Amino acid sequence: GARQTAYQLLVSSTPDGVADLWDSGRVDSC
């Protein structure tokens, strides 16, 4: 019964940097 209820995508120009390209924010979706 494990399932996803929300996601957040974080895209960065560096491997350990902040999401300077895209932060989707929390999206309530499976």
PDB file of all heavy atoms in Angstrom:
ATOM      1  N   GLY A   1       0.776  -1.219   0.000  1.00  0.00           N
ATOM      2  CA  GLY A   1       0.000   0.000   0.000  1.00  0.00           C
ATOM      3  C   GLY A   1       0.810   1.273   0.000  1.00  0.00           C
ATOM      4  O   GLY A   1       0.235   2.364   0.054  1.00  0.00           O
ATOM      5  N   ALA A   2       2.130   1.158  -0.040  1.00  0.00           N
ATOM      6  CA  ALA A   2       2.952   2.369  -0.090  1.00  0.00           C
ATOM      7  C   ALA A   2       2.679   3.111  -1.391  1.00  0.00           C
ATOM      8  O   ALA A   2       2.558   2.500  -2.454  1.00  0.00           O
ATOM      9  CB  ALA A   2       4.427   2.013   0.026  1.00  0.00           C
ATOM     10  N   ARG A   3       2.549   4.417  -1.286  1.00  0.00           N
ATOM     11  CA  ARG A   3       2.278   5.191  -2.484  1.00  0.00           C
ATOM     12  C   ARG A   3       2.772   6.623  -2.300  1.00  0.00           C
ATOM     13  O   ARG A   3       2.937   7.102  -1.173  1.00  0.00           O
ATOM     14  CB  ARG A   3       0.786   5.194  -2.805  1.00  0.00           C
ATOM     15  CG  ARG A   3      -0.074   5.960  -1.819  1.00  0.00           C
ATOM     16  CD  ARG A   3      -1.560   5.818  -2.147  1.00  0.00           C
ATOM     17  NE  ARG A   3      -2.376   6.718  -1.339  1.00  0.00           N
ATOM     18  CZ  ARG A   3      -2.752   6.484  -0.099  1.00  0.00           C
ATOM     19  NH1 ARG A   3      -2.377   5.368   0.502  1.00  0.00           N
ATOM     20  NH2 ARG A   3      -3.498   7.370   0.562  1.00  0.00           N
ATOM     21  N   GLN A   4       2.982   7.268  -3.403  1.00  0.00           N
ATOM     22  CA  GLN A   4       3.384   8.676  -3.408  1.00  0.00           C
ATOM     23  C   GLN A   4       2.142   9.548  -3.305  1.00  0.00           C
ATOM     24  O   GLN A   4       1.144   9.330  -3.992  1.00  0.00           O
ATOM     25  CB  GLN A   4       4.145   8.978  -4.701  1.00  0.00           C
ATOM     26  CG  GLN A   4       4.452  10.445  -4.947  1.00  0.00           C
ATOM     27  CD  GLN A   4       5.090  10.676  -6.301  1.00  0.00           C
ATOM     28  OE1 GLN A   4       6.125  10.117  -6.616  1.00  0.00           O
ATOM     29  NE2 GLN A   4       4.447  11.509  -7.119  1.00  0.00           N
ATOM     30  N   THR A   5       2.216  10.557  -2.455  1.00  0.00           N
ATOM     31  CA  THR A   5       1.116  11.514  -2.360  1.00  0.00           C
ATOM     32  C   THR A   5       1.506  12.904  -2.845  1.00  0.00           C
ATOM     33  O   THR A   5       0.638  13.715  -3.160  1.00  0.00           O
ATOM     34  CB  THR A   5       0.619  11.622  -0.906  1.00  0.00           C
ATOM     35  OG1 THR A   5       1.706  12.058  -0.067  1.00  0.00           O
ATOM     36  CG2 THR A   5       0.099  10.278  -0.421  1.00  0.00           C
ATOM     37  N   ALA A   6       2.810  13.189  -2.900  1.00  0.00           N
ATOM     38  CA  ALA A   6       3.271  14.492  -3.381  1.00  0.00           C
ATOM     39  C   ALA A   6       4.733  14.382  -3.797  1.00  0.00           C
ATOM     40  O   ALA A   6       5.441  13.441  -3.390  1.00  0.00           O
ATOM     41  CB  ALA A   6       3.099  15.564  -2.302  1.00  0.00           C
ATOM     42  N   TYR A   7       5.178  15.323  -4.620  1.00  0.00           N
ATOM     43  CA  TYR A   7       6.579  15.353  -5.039  1.00  0.00           C
ATOM     44  C   TYR A   7       7.053  16.794  -5.138  1.00  0.00           C
ATOM     45  O   TYR A   7       6.255  17.739  -5.211  1.00  0.00           O
ATOM     46  CB  TYR A   7       6.778  14.634  -6.375  1.00  0.00           C
ATOM     47  CG  TYR A   7       6.191  15.366  -7.573  1.00  0.00           C
ATOM     48  CD1 TYR A   7       6.884  16.390  -8.212  1.00  0.00           C
ATOM     49  CD2 TYR A   7       4.927  15.029  -8.063  1.00  0.00           C
ATOM     50  CE1 TYR A   7       6.344  17.062  -9.305  1.00  0.00           C
ATOM     51  CE2 TYR A   7       4.376  15.691  -9.149  1.00  0.00           C
ATOM     52  CZ  TYR A   7       5.088  16.709  -9.763  1.00  0.00           C
ATOM     53  OH  TYR A   7       4.565  17.384 -10.836  1.00  0.00           O
ATOM     54  N   GLN A   8       8.373  16.943  -5.165  1.00  0.00           N
ATOM     55  CA  GLN A   8       9.012  18.231  -5.414  1.00  0.00           C
ATOM     56  C   GLN A   8      10.261  17.982  -6.231  1.00  0.00           C
ATOM     57  O   GLN A   8      11.089  17.149  -5.872  1.00  0.00           O
ATOM     58  CB  GLN A   8       9.389  18.926  -4.091  1.00  0.00           C
ATOM     59  CG  GLN A   8      10.047  20.292  -4.287  1.00  0.00           C
ATOM     60  CD  GLN A   8      10.433  20.926  -2.955  1.00  0.00           C
ATOM     61  OE1 GLN A   8      10.483  20.255  -1.918  1.00  0.00           O
ATOM     62  NE2 GLN A   8      10.725  22.219  -2.972  1.00  0.00           N
ATOM     63  N   LEU A   9      10.390  18.687  -7.366  1.00  0.00           N
ATOM     64  CA  LEU A   9      11.564  18.559  -8.224  1.00  0.00           C
ATOM     65  C   LEU A   9      12.481  19.754  -8.008  1.00  0.00           C
ATOM     66  O   LEU A   9      12.037  20.905  -7.993  1.00  0.00           O
ATOM     67  CB  LEU A   9      11.138  18.458  -9.689  1.00  0.00           C
ATOM     68  CG  LEU A   9      10.639  17.076 -10.112  1.00  0.00           C
ATOM     69  CD1 LEU A   9       9.904  17.142 -11.432  1.00  0.00           C
ATOM     70  CD2 LEU A   9      11.801  16.087 -10.200  1.00  0.00           C
ATOM     71  N   LEU A  10      13.775  19.453  -7.865  1.00  0.00           N
ATOM     72  CA  LEU A  10      14.793  20.467  -7.626  1.00  0.00           C
ATOM     73  C   LEU A  10      15.874  20.312  -8.690  1.00  0.00           C
ATOM     74  O   LEU A  10      16.529  19.269  -8.773  1.00  0.00           O
ATOM     75  CB  LEU A  10      15.400  20.289  -6.232  1.00  0.00           C
ATOM     76  CG  LEU A  10      14.397  20.299  -5.067  1.00  0.00           C
ATOM     77  CD1 LEU A  10      15.047  19.764  -3.798  1.00  0.00           C
ATOM     78  CD2 LEU A  10      13.853  21.705  -4.845  1.00  0.00           C
ATOM     79  N   VAL A  11      16.046  21.322  -9.531  1.00  0.00           N
ATOM     80  CA  VAL A  11      16.999  21.254 -10.637  1.00  0.00           C
ATOM     81  C   VAL A  11      18.014  22.374 -10.461  1.00  0.00           C
ATOM     82  O   VAL A  11      17.653  23.540 -10.257  1.00  0.00           O
ATOM     83  CB  VAL A  11      16.300  21.375 -12.002  1.00  0.00           C
ATOM     84  CG1 VAL A  11      17.302  21.185 -13.127  1.00  0.00           C
ATOM     85  CG2 VAL A  11      15.174  20.344 -12.115  1.00  0.00           C
ATOM     86  N   SER A  12      19.298  22.008 -10.553  1.00  0.00           N
ATOM     87  CA  SER A  12      20.378  22.934 -10.247  1.00  0.00           C
ATOM     88  C   SER A  12      21.429  22.911 -11.347  1.00  0.00           C
ATOM     89  O   SER A  12      21.555  21.939 -12.097  1.00  0.00           O
ATOM     90  CB  SER A  12      21.014  22.553  -8.909  1.00  0.00           C
ATOM     91  OG  SER A  12      22.173  23.304  -8.660  1.00  0.00           O
ATOM     92  N   SER A  13      22.205  23.969 -11.423  1.00  0.00           N
ATOM     93  CA  SER A  13      23.322  24.040 -12.366  1.00  0.00           C
ATOM     94  C   SER A  13      24.602  23.445 -11.784  1.00  0.00           C
ATOM     95  O   SER A  13      25.614  23.349 -12.477  1.00  0.00           O
ATOM     96  CB  SER A  13      23.573  25.490 -12.779  1.00  0.00           C
ATOM     97  OG  SER A  13      23.832  26.301 -11.641  1.00  0.00           O
ATOM     98  N   THR A  14      24.575  23.025 -10.516  1.00  0.00           N
ATOM     99  CA  THR A  14      25.721  22.386  -9.862  1.00  0.00           C
ATOM    100  C   THR A  14      25.228  21.151  -9.121  1.00  0.00           C
ATOM    101  O   THR A  14      24.059  21.062  -8.742  1.00  0.00           O
ATOM    102  CB  THR A  14      26.404  23.340  -8.863  1.00  0.00           C
ATOM    103  OG1 THR A  14      25.443  23.741  -7.873  1.00  0.00           O
ATOM    104  CG2 THR A  14      26.950  24.567  -9.563  1.00  0.00           C
ATOM    105  N   PRO A  15      26.108  20.174  -8.872  1.00  0.00           N
ATOM    106  CA  PRO A  15      25.644  18.931  -8.239  1.00  0.00           C
ATOM    107  C   PRO A  15      25.169  19.102  -6.807  1.00  0.00           C
ATOM    108  O   PRO A  15      24.351  18.329  -6.337  1.00  0.00           O
ATOM    109  CB  PRO A  15      26.878  18.022  -8.312  1.00  0.00           C
ATOM    110  CG  PRO A  15      28.036  18.940  -8.500  1.00  0.00           C
ATOM    111  CD  PRO A  15      27.519  20.102  -9.273  1.00  0.00           C
ATOM    112  N   ASP A  16      25.657  20.101  -6.097  1.00  0.00           N
ATOM    113  CA  ASP A  16      25.271  20.259  -4.703  1.00  0.00           C
ATOM    114  C   ASP A  16      24.725  21.658  -4.407  1.00  0.00           C
ATOM    115  O   ASP A  16      24.679  22.084  -3.263  1.00  0.00           O
ATOM    116  CB  ASP A  16      26.482  19.998  -3.792  1.00  0.00           C
ATOM    117  CG  ASP A  16      27.689  20.846  -4.184  1.00  0.00           C
ATOM    118  OD1 ASP A  16      27.589  21.593  -5.166  1.00  0.00           O
ATOM    119  OD2 ASP A  16      28.715  20.747  -3.498  1.00  0.00           O
ATOM    120  N   GLY A  17      24.301  22.370  -5.452  1.00  0.00           N
ATOM    121  CA  GLY A  17      23.838  23.732  -5.267  1.00  0.00           C
ATOM    122  C   GLY A  17      22.343  23.819  -5.027  1.00  0.00           C
ATOM    123  O   GLY A  17      21.617  22.818  -4.998  1.00  0.00           O
ATOM    124  N   VAL A  18      21.897  25.038  -4.843  1.00  0.00           N
ATOM    125  CA  VAL A  18      20.462  25.277  -4.677  1.00  0.00           C
ATOM    126  C   VAL A  18      19.762  25.089  -6.017  1.00  0.00           C
ATOM    127  O   VAL A  18      20.400  25.049  -7.080  1.00  0.00           O
ATOM    128  CB  VAL A  18      20.228  26.704  -4.148  1.00  0.00           C
ATOM    129  CG1 VAL A  18      20.873  26.874  -2.784  1.00  0.00           C
ATOM    130  CG2 VAL A  18      20.768  27.752  -5.115  1.00  0.00           C
ATOM    131  N   ALA A  19      18.438  24.988  -5.961  1.00  0.00           N
ATOM    132  CA  ALA A  19      17.651  24.760  -7.180  1.00  0.00           C
ATOM    133  C   ALA A  19      17.525  26.063  -7.958  1.00  0.00           C
ATOM    134  O   ALA A  19      16.461  26.681  -8.003  1.00  0.00           O
ATOM    135  CB  ALA A  19      16.294  24.190  -6.817  1.00  0.00           C
ATOM    136  N   ASP A  20      18.622  26.492  -8.577  1.00  0.00           N
ATOM    137  CA  ASP A  20      18.624  27.770  -9.281  1.00  0.00           C
ATOM    138  C   ASP A  20      17.989  27.687 -10.659  1.00  0.00           C
ATOM    139  O   ASP A  20      17.711  28.717 -11.278  1.00  0.00           O
ATOM    140  CB  ASP A  20      20.050  28.316  -9.395  1.00  0.00           C
ATOM    141  CG  ASP A  20      21.005  27.323 -10.053  1.00  0.00           C
ATOM    142  OD1 ASP A  20      20.691  26.116 -10.083  1.00  0.00           O
ATOM    143  OD2 ASP A  20      22.071  27.759 -10.534  1.00  0.00           O
ATOM    144  N   LEU A  21      17.735  26.470 -11.166  1.00  0.00           N
ATOM    145  CA  LEU A  21      17.078  26.323 -12.461  1.00  0.00           C
ATOM    146  C   LEU A  21      15.578  26.081 -12.324  1.00  0.00           C
ATOM    147  O   LEU A  21      14.784  26.599 -13.097  1.00  0.00           O
ATOM    148  CB  LEU A  21      17.717  25.177 -13.256  1.00  0.00           C
ATOM    149  CG  LEU A  21      19.177  25.387 -13.659  1.00  0.00           C
ATOM    150  CD1 LEU A  21      19.709  24.162 -14.387  1.00  0.00           C
ATOM    151  CD2 LEU A  21      19.348  26.633 -14.518  1.00  0.00           C
ATOM    152  N   TRP A  22      15.212  25.287 -11.311  1.00  0.00           N
ATOM    153  CA  TRP A  22      13.775  25.034 -11.118  1.00  0.00           C
ATOM    154  C   TRP A  22      13.528  24.409  -9.759  1.00  0.00           C
ATOM    155  O   TRP A  22      14.216  23.460  -9.366  1.00  0.00           O
ATOM    156  CB  TRP A  22      13.241  24.102 -12.202  1.00  0.00           C
ATOM    157  CG  TRP A  22      11.751  23.897 -12.164  1.00  0.00           C
ATOM    158  CD1 TRP A  22      10.797  24.832 -11.877  1.00  0.00           C
ATOM    159  CD2 TRP A  22      11.041  22.678 -12.421  1.00  0.00           C
ATOM    160  NE1 TRP A  22       9.538  24.282 -11.946  1.00  0.00           N
ATOM    161  CE2 TRP A  22       9.655  22.962 -12.280  1.00  0.00           C
ATOM    162  CE3 TRP A  22      11.425  21.399 -12.765  1.00  0.00           C
ATOM    163  CZ2 TRP A  22       8.672  22.001 -12.462  1.00  0.00           C
ATOM    164  CZ3 TRP A  22      10.458  20.425 -12.954  1.00  0.00           C
ATOM    165  CH2 TRP A  22       9.097  20.725 -12.817  1.00  0.00           C
ATOM    166  N   ASP A  23      12.575  24.961  -9.057  1.00  0.00           N
ATOM    167  CA  ASP A  23      12.027  24.362  -7.843  1.00  0.00           C
ATOM    168  C   ASP A  23      10.517  24.293  -8.045  1.00  0.00           C
ATOM    169  O   ASP A  23       9.837  25.310  -8.076  1.00  0.00           O
ATOM    170  CB  ASP A  23      12.377  25.202  -6.616  1.00  0.00           C
ATOM    171  CG  ASP A  23      11.855  24.584  -5.327  1.00  0.00           C
ATOM    172  OD1 ASP A  23      11.047  23.638  -5.395  1.00  0.00           O
ATOM    173  OD2 ASP A  23      12.248  25.065  -4.249  1.00  0.00           O
ATOM    174  N   SER A  24      10.017  23.094  -8.239  1.00  0.00           N
ATOM    175  CA  SER A  24       8.591  22.928  -8.537  1.00  0.00           C
ATOM    176  C   SER A  24       7.709  23.239  -7.332  1.00  0.00           C
ATOM    177  O   SER A  24       6.500  23.446  -7.480  1.00  0.00           O
ATOM    178  CB  SER A  24       8.309  21.499  -9.010  1.00  0.00           C
ATOM    179  OG  SER A  24       8.459  20.584  -7.937  1.00  0.00           O
ATOM    180  N   GLY A  25       8.329  23.283  -6.143  1.00  0.00           N
ATOM    181  CA  GLY A  25       7.519  23.353  -4.943  1.00  0.00           C
ATOM    182  C   GLY A  25       6.811  22.026  -4.721  1.00  0.00           C
ATOM    183  O   GLY A  25       6.865  21.107  -5.548  1.00  0.00           O
ATOM    184  N   ARG A  26       6.145  21.895  -3.594  1.00  0.00           N
ATOM    185  CA  ARG A  26       5.408  20.656  -3.334  1.00  0.00           C
ATOM    186  C   ARG A  26       4.201  20.587  -4.258  1.00  0.00           C
ATOM    187  O   ARG A  26       3.397  21.529  -4.349  1.00  0.00           O
ATOM    188  CB  ARG A  26       4.963  20.585  -1.879  1.00  0.00           C
ATOM    189  CG  ARG A  26       4.071  19.384  -1.610  1.00  0.00           C
ATOM    190  CD  ARG A  26       3.739  19.216  -0.155  1.00  0.00           C
ATOM    191  NE  ARG A  26       2.689  18.201   0.014  1.00  0.00           N
ATOM    192  CZ  ARG A  26       2.590  17.376   1.025  1.00  0.00           C
ATOM    193  NH1 ARG A  26       3.482  17.425   2.003  1.00  0.00           N
ATOM    194  NH2 ARG A  26       1.597  16.505   1.099  1.00  0.00           N
ATOM    195  N   VAL A  27       4.093  19.450  -4.954  1.00  0.00           N
ATOM    196  CA  VAL A  27       2.963  19.210  -5.852  1.00  0.00           C
ATOM    197  C   VAL A  27       2.213  17.989  -5.335  1.00  0.00           C
ATOM    198  O   VAL A  27       2.768  16.884  -5.285  1.00  0.00           O
ATOM    199  CB  VAL A  27       3.444  18.969  -7.307  1.00  0.00           C
ATOM    200  CG1 VAL A  27       2.246  18.715  -8.217  1.00  0.00           C
ATOM    201  CG2 VAL A  27       4.267  20.138  -7.816  1.00  0.00           C
ATOM    202  N   ASP A  28       0.992  18.178  -4.926  1.00  0.00           N
ATOM    203  CA  ASP A  28       0.189  17.055  -4.429  1.00  0.00           C
ATOM    204  C   ASP A  28      -0.281  16.216  -5.616  1.00  0.00           C
ATOM    205  O   ASP A  28      -1.265  16.539  -6.290  1.00  0.00           O
ATOM    206  CB  ASP A  28      -1.007  17.567  -3.627  1.00  0.00           C
ATOM    207  CG  ASP A  28      -0.583  18.245  -2.332  1.00  0.00           C
ATOM    208  OD1 ASP A  28       0.420  17.805  -1.732  1.00  0.00           O
ATOM    209  OD2 ASP A  28      -1.237  19.228  -1.932  1.00  0.00           O
ATOM    210  N   SER A  29       0.448  15.134  -5.875  1.00  0.00           N
ATOM    211  CA  SER A  29       0.163  14.301  -7.041  1.00  0.00           C
ATOM    212  C   SER A  29       0.885  12.978  -6.882  1.00  0.00           C
ATOM    213  O   SER A  29       1.949  12.892  -6.258  1.00  0.00           O
ATOM    214  CB  SER A  29       0.638  15.001  -8.321  1.00  0.00           C
ATOM    215  OG  SER A  29       0.578  14.130  -9.426  1.00  0.00           O
ATOM    216  N   CYS A  30       0.304  11.935  -7.459  1.00  0.00           N
ATOM    217  CA  CYS A  30       0.959  10.630  -7.490  1.00  0.00           C
ATOM    218  C   CYS A  30       1.771  10.442  -8.774  1.00  0.00           C
ATOM    219  O   CYS A  30       2.361   9.382  -8.982  1.00  0.00           O
ATOM    220  CB  CYS A  30      -0.067   9.512  -7.352  1.00  0.00           C
ATOM    221  SG  CYS A  30      -1.249   9.443  -8.723  1.00  0.00           S
TER     222      CYS A  30
END
